[in-house]
Amino acid sequence: MNGADGVPAGRPIVLVGAPGSGKSTVGTLLAERLGRPFVDVDAVIEERAGKPIAEIFVDDGEPVFRALEEATTIELLDRPAVISLGGGAVLSTTIRQALAGHLVVWLQVSAGAASERVGLSTARPLLLGNVRGRLIQLLNQRTPLYDEVAAVRIATDGSTVAQVVEQILGSLDD
């Protein structure tokens, strides 16, 4: 049975996309509009680890972070919330399989728009150095995986957060 927002009752709306696609910003507004909680997987990991993701990468390494990301994501997919996954979550076969049957919204962004939004943030360890070049590499690697899990695709370049949320809400009525 679908809830008032068009999503099966008790099921999450999951946002995926590259760094700078707007998952956290869009997710916050979308959750507010739907009267659902918003959960950012990266924020949950940071809270539980007691340190920023960049420090997890430096102190413990990417494999430790990816294991935390996988376990946390799988756990949170049981919540009827708007859930923002980390940009690299789709690299995990386990996460991709767990997303089957969920309403997954891919926030599509070009490397140019993403690099403008992300800037030179040191909070994103995989983007250190040549931000635009790294984003192009990440998009080339991850685009087929985002496409694989997505039920809805929303282009975010040139759109405001409110416009993106309206597009998502419109897709829920389809």
C-alpha atoms as a PDB file:
ATOM      1  CA  MET A   1       0.000   0.000   0.000  1.00  0.00           C
ATOM      2  CA  ASN A   2       1.345   3.411  -0.953  1.00  0.00           C
ATOM      3  CA  GLY A   3       1.587   6.258   1.511  1.00  0.00           C
ATOM      4  CA  ALA A   4       0.298   9.761   0.865  1.00  0.00           C
ATOM      5  CA  ASP A   5       3.617  10.588  -0.822  1.00  0.00           C
ATOM      6  CA  GLY A   6       3.242   7.824  -3.438  1.00  0.00           C
ATOM      7  CA  VAL A   7       5.953   5.622  -1.932  1.00  0.00           C
ATOM      8  CA  PRO A   8       5.099   2.242  -0.415  1.00  0.00           C
ATOM      9  CA  ALA A   9       4.402   2.722   3.281  1.00  0.00           C
ATOM     10  CA  GLY A  10       7.449   2.107   5.432  1.00  0.00           C
ATOM     11  CA  ARG A  11       9.878   2.289   2.493  1.00  0.00           C
ATOM     12  CA  PRO A  12      12.594   4.902   2.056  1.00  0.00           C
ATOM     13  CA  ILE A  13      13.283   7.264  -0.802  1.00  0.00           C
ATOM     14  CA  VAL A  14      16.985   6.837  -1.531  1.00  0.00           C
ATOM     15  CA  LEU A  15      19.076   9.553  -3.189  1.00  0.00           C
ATOM     16  CA  VAL A  16      22.246   8.622  -5.079  1.00  0.00           C
ATOM     17  CA  GLY A  17      24.635  10.681  -7.147  1.00  0.00           C
ATOM     18  CA  ALA A  18      28.116  12.071  -7.434  1.00  0.00           C
ATOM     19  CA  PRO A  19      29.629  14.490  -4.950  1.00  0.00           C
ATOM     20  CA  GLY A  20      28.094  17.893  -5.651  1.00  0.00           C
ATOM     21  CA  SER A  21      24.846  16.496  -7.069  1.00  0.00           C
ATOM     22  CA  GLY A  22      22.887  17.942  -4.131  1.00  0.00           C
ATOM     23  CA  LYS A  23      21.894  14.772  -2.270  1.00  0.00           C
ATOM     24  CA  SER A  24      22.052  16.304   1.203  1.00  0.00           C
ATOM     25  CA  THR A  25      20.535  19.653   0.271  1.00  0.00           C
ATOM     26  CA  VAL A  26      17.779  18.178  -1.902  1.00  0.00           C
ATOM     27  CA  GLY A  27      17.186  15.370   0.602  1.00  0.00           C
ATOM     28  CA  THR A  28      16.638  17.793   3.469  1.00  0.00           C
ATOM     29  CA  LEU A  29      14.010  19.785   1.554  1.00  0.00           C
ATOM     30  CA  LEU A  30      12.380  16.665   0.088  1.00  0.00           C
ATOM     31  CA  ALA A  31      12.050  15.102   3.546  1.00  0.00           C
ATOM     32  CA  GLU A  32      10.550  18.311   4.893  1.00  0.00           C
ATOM     33  CA  ARG A  33       8.013  18.445   2.045  1.00  0.00           C
ATOM     34  CA  LEU A  34       7.055  14.786   2.590  1.00  0.00           C
ATOM     35  CA  GLY A  35       6.985  14.950   6.376  1.00  0.00           C
ATOM     36  CA  ARG A  36       9.634  12.245   6.605  1.00  0.00           C
ATOM     37  CA  PRO A  37      12.928  12.212   8.466  1.00  0.00           C
ATOM     38  CA  PHE A  38      16.109  12.900   6.508  1.00  0.00           C
ATOM     39  CA  VAL A  39      19.092  10.598   7.006  1.00  0.00           C
ATOM     40  CA  ASP A  40      22.527  11.299   5.538  1.00  0.00           C
ATOM     41  CA  VAL A  41      24.536   8.059   5.645  1.00  0.00           C
ATOM     42  CA  ASP A  42      27.845   9.949   5.694  1.00  0.00           C
ATOM     43  CA  ALA A  43      26.696  12.010   8.703  1.00  0.00           C
ATOM     44  CA  VAL A  44      25.652   8.841  10.554  1.00  0.00           C
ATOM     45  CA  ILE A  45      29.061   7.279   9.875  1.00  0.00           C
ATOM     46  CA  GLU A  46      30.843  10.398  11.136  1.00  0.00           C
ATOM     47  CA  GLU A  47      28.714  10.499  14.267  1.00  0.00           C
ATOM     48  CA  ARG A  48      29.327   6.837  15.056  1.00  0.00           C
ATOM     49  CA  ALA A  49      33.048   6.986  14.270  1.00  0.00           C
ATOM     50  CA  GLY A  50      33.486  10.206  16.206  1.00  0.00           C
ATOM     51  CA  LYS A  51      35.421  11.806  13.369  1.00  0.00           C
ATOM     52  CA  PRO A  52      34.968  13.191   9.850  1.00  0.00           C
ATOM     53  CA  ILE A  53      35.081  10.864   6.848  1.00  0.00           C
ATOM     54  CA  ALA A  54      38.312  12.515   5.696  1.00  0.00           C
ATOM     55  CA  GLU A  55      39.934  11.399   8.968  1.00  0.00           C
ATOM     56  CA  ILE A  56      38.560   7.872   8.593  1.00  0.00           C
ATOM     57  CA  PHE A  57      40.252   7.725   5.168  1.00  0.00           C
ATOM     58  CA  VAL A  58      43.563   8.989   6.601  1.00  0.00           C
ATOM     59  CA  ASP A  59      43.536   7.064   9.891  1.00  0.00           C
ATOM     60  CA  ASP A  60      41.920   3.801   8.834  1.00  0.00           C
ATOM     61  CA  GLY A  61      41.968   3.720   5.027  1.00  0.00           C
ATOM     62  CA  GLU A  62      39.309   3.611   2.338  1.00  0.00           C
ATOM     63  CA  PRO A  63      38.526  -0.129   2.802  1.00  0.00           C
ATOM     64  CA  VAL A  64      37.543   0.494   6.451  1.00  0.00           C
ATOM     65  CA  PHE A  65      35.376   3.431   5.399  1.00  0.00           C
ATOM     66  CA  ARG A  66      33.688   1.367   2.649  1.00  0.00           C
ATOM     67  CA  ALA A  67      32.924  -1.422   5.157  1.00  0.00           C
ATOM     68  CA  LEU A  68      31.361   1.127   7.531  1.00  0.00           C
ATOM     69  CA  GLU A  69      29.442   2.657   4.633  1.00  0.00           C
ATOM     70  CA  GLU A  70      28.099  -0.714   3.520  1.00  0.00           C
ATOM     71  CA  ALA A  71      26.976  -1.814   6.996  1.00  0.00           C
ATOM     72  CA  THR A  72      25.432   1.578   7.818  1.00  0.00           C
ATOM     73  CA  THR A  73      23.628   1.854   4.483  1.00  0.00           C
ATOM     74  CA  ILE A  74      22.122  -1.635   4.726  1.00  0.00           C
ATOM     75  CA  GLU A  75      20.933  -0.902   8.265  1.00  0.00           C
ATOM     76  CA  LEU A  76      19.365   2.458   7.341  1.00  0.00           C
ATOM     77  CA  LEU A  77      17.473   1.139   4.295  1.00  0.00           C
ATOM     78  CA  ASP A  78      14.836  -0.200   6.701  1.00  0.00           C
ATOM     79  CA  ARG A  79      13.752   3.334   7.681  1.00  0.00           C
ATOM     80  CA  PRO A  80      10.813   5.133   6.040  1.00  0.00           C
ATOM     81  CA  ALA A  81      12.956   8.220   5.501  1.00  0.00           C
ATOM     82  CA  VAL A  82      14.613  10.180   2.743  1.00  0.00           C
ATOM     83  CA  ILE A  83      18.104   8.678   2.747  1.00  0.00           C
ATOM     84  CA  SER A  84      21.145  10.249   1.108  1.00  0.00           C
ATOM     85  CA  LEU A  85      23.850   7.729   0.249  1.00  0.00           C
ATOM     86  CA  GLY A  86      27.500   8.600  -0.080  1.00  0.00           C
ATOM     87  CA  GLY A  87      28.621   9.189  -3.652  1.00  0.00           C
ATOM     88  CA  GLY A  88      30.621   5.958  -3.744  1.00  0.00           C
ATOM     89  CA  ALA A  89      28.070   3.715  -2.040  1.00  0.00           C
ATOM     90  CA  VAL A  90      27.055   2.261  -5.409  1.00  0.00           C
ATOM     91  CA  LEU A  91      30.534   0.748  -5.766  1.00  0.00           C
ATOM     92  CA  SER A  92      29.391  -1.949  -3.331  1.00  0.00           C
ATOM     93  CA  THR A  93      27.652  -4.895  -4.976  1.00  0.00           C
ATOM     94  CA  THR A  94      25.951  -5.583  -1.641  1.00  0.00           C
ATOM     95  CA  ILE A  95      24.498  -2.063  -1.520  1.00  0.00           C
ATOM     96  CA  ARG A  96      23.392  -2.210  -5.157  1.00  0.00           C
ATOM     97  CA  GLN A  97      21.619  -5.506  -4.486  1.00  0.00           C
ATOM     98  CA  ALA A  98      20.019  -4.092  -1.320  1.00  0.00           C
ATOM     99  CA  LEU A  99      18.661  -1.141  -3.318  1.00  0.00           C
ATOM    100  CA  ALA A 100      16.616  -3.461  -5.567  1.00  0.00           C
ATOM    101  CA  GLY A 101      12.947  -2.788  -4.975  1.00  0.00           C
ATOM    102  CA  HIS A 102      13.577   0.609  -3.350  1.00  0.00           C
ATOM    103  CA  LEU A 103      12.669   3.963  -4.827  1.00  0.00           C
ATOM    104  CA  VAL A 104      16.133   5.196  -5.812  1.00  0.00           C
ATOM    105  CA  VAL A 105      16.452   8.710  -7.234  1.00  0.00           C
ATOM    106  CA  TRP A 106      19.651   9.472  -9.124  1.00  0.00           C
ATOM    107  CA  LEU A 107      20.544  13.158  -8.966  1.00  0.00           C
ATOM    108  CA  GLN A 108      22.521  13.573 -12.171  1.00  0.00           C
ATOM    109  CA  VAL A 109      25.174  16.267 -12.341  1.00  0.00           C
ATOM    110  CA  SER A 110      27.883  17.170 -14.838  1.00  0.00           C
ATOM    111  CA  ALA A 111      31.513  17.331 -13.756  1.00  0.00           C
ATOM    112  CA  GLY A 112      31.500  21.091 -14.362  1.00  0.00           C
ATOM    113  CA  ALA A 113      28.489  21.788 -12.172  1.00  0.00           C
ATOM    114  CA  ALA A 114      29.687  19.372  -9.497  1.00  0.00           C
ATOM    115  CA  SER A 115      33.136  20.960  -9.327  1.00  0.00           C
ATOM    116  CA  GLU A 116      31.565  24.419  -8.937  1.00  0.00           C
ATOM    117  CA  ARG A 117      29.365  23.146  -6.082  1.00  0.00           C
ATOM    118  CA  VAL A 118      32.098  21.151  -4.348  1.00  0.00           C
ATOM    119  CA  GLY A 119      34.884  23.698  -4.816  1.00  0.00           C
ATOM    120  CA  LEU A 120      38.095  22.807  -3.065  1.00  0.00           C
ATOM    121  CA  SER A 121      36.499  21.073  -0.091  1.00  0.00           C
ATOM    122  CA  THR A 122      38.998  19.060   1.917  1.00  0.00           C
ATOM    123  CA  ALA A 123      36.089  17.187   3.489  1.00  0.00           C
ATOM    124  CA  ARG A 124      35.929  15.029   0.342  1.00  0.00           C
ATOM    125  CA  PRO A 125      39.082  12.915   0.401  1.00  0.00           C
ATOM    126  CA  LEU A 126      38.603  11.365  -3.036  1.00  0.00           C
ATOM    127  CA  LEU A 127      38.481  14.812  -4.648  1.00  0.00           C
ATOM    128  CA  LEU A 128      41.724  16.250  -3.304  1.00  0.00           C
ATOM    129  CA  GLY A 129      44.004  17.709  -5.948  1.00  0.00           C
ATOM    130  CA  ASN A 130      42.447  18.299  -9.356  1.00  0.00           C
ATOM    131  CA  VAL A 131      38.771  18.429  -8.324  1.00  0.00           C
ATOM    132  CA  ARG A 132      37.323  18.607 -11.836  1.00  0.00           C
ATOM    133  CA  GLY A 133      39.605  15.836 -13.116  1.00  0.00           C
ATOM    134  CA  ARG A 134      38.766  13.573 -10.175  1.00  0.00           C
ATOM    135  CA  LEU A 135      35.039  14.237 -10.654  1.00  0.00           C
ATOM    136  CA  ILE A 136      35.312  13.259 -14.315  1.00  0.00           C
ATOM    137  CA  GLN A 137      37.036  10.013 -13.286  1.00  0.00           C
ATOM    138  CA  LEU A 138      34.434   9.303 -10.591  1.00  0.00           C
ATOM    139  CA  LEU A 139      31.544  10.021 -12.961  1.00  0.00           C
ATOM    140  CA  ASN A 140      33.030   7.754 -15.635  1.00  0.00           C
ATOM    141  CA  GLN A 141      33.390   4.959 -13.091  1.00  0.00           C
ATOM    142  CA  ARG A 142      30.095   5.405 -11.242  1.00  0.00           C
ATOM    143  CA  THR A 143      27.571   6.570 -13.873  1.00  0.00           C
ATOM    144  CA  PRO A 144      26.737   3.010 -15.032  1.00  0.00           C
ATOM    145  CA  LEU A 145      26.244   2.002 -11.389  1.00  0.00           C
ATOM    146  CA  TYR A 146      23.966   4.961 -10.614  1.00  0.00           C
ATOM    147  CA  ASP A 147      21.997   4.090 -13.734  1.00  0.00           C
ATOM    148  CA  GLU A 148      21.764   0.442 -12.658  1.00  0.00           C
ATOM    149  CA  VAL A 149      20.108   1.239  -9.312  1.00  0.00           C
ATOM    150  CA  ALA A 150      17.994   4.257 -10.303  1.00  0.00           C
ATOM    151  CA  ALA A 151      14.234   4.133 -10.639  1.00  0.00           C
ATOM    152  CA  VAL A 152      14.075   7.902 -11.227  1.00  0.00           C
ATOM    153  CA  ARG A 153      16.654  10.135 -12.895  1.00  0.00           C
ATOM    154  CA  ILE A 154      16.695  13.887 -12.254  1.00  0.00           C
ATOM    155  CA  ALA A 155      19.133  16.259 -13.993  1.00  0.00           C
ATOM    156  CA  THR A 156      20.279  18.894 -11.497  1.00  0.00           C
ATOM    157  CA  ASP A 157      22.471  21.176 -13.642  1.00  0.00           C
ATOM    158  CA  GLY A 158      20.920  24.626 -13.885  1.00  0.00           C
ATOM    159  CA  SER A 159      18.076  23.771 -11.481  1.00  0.00           C
ATOM    160  CA  THR A 160      17.422  25.159  -8.044  1.00  0.00           C
ATOM    161  CA  VAL A 161      17.003  22.829  -5.088  1.00  0.00           C
ATOM    162  CA  ALA A 162      13.271  23.601  -5.063  1.00  0.00           C
ATOM    163  CA  GLN A 163      12.991  22.728  -8.771  1.00  0.00           C
ATOM    164  CA  VAL A 164      14.763  19.406  -8.243  1.00  0.00           C
ATOM    165  CA  VAL A 165      12.468  18.579  -5.322  1.00  0.00           C
ATOM    166  CA  GLU A 166       9.416  19.423  -7.442  1.00  0.00           C
ATOM    167  CA  GLN A 167      10.668  17.082 -10.176  1.00  0.00           C
ATOM    168  CA  ILE A 168      11.114  14.284  -7.642  1.00  0.00           C
ATOM    169  CA  LEU A 169       7.662  14.886  -6.173  1.00  0.00           C
ATOM    170  CA  GLY A 170       6.199  14.847  -9.699  1.00  0.00           C
ATOM    171  CA  SER A 171       7.859  11.491 -10.350  1.00  0.00           C
ATOM    172  CA  LEU A 172       6.242  10.025  -7.223  1.00  0.00           C
ATOM    173  CA  ASP A 173       2.798  10.652  -8.725  1.00  0.00           C
ATOM    174  CA  ASP A 174       3.631   8.697 -11.904  1.00  0.00           C
END
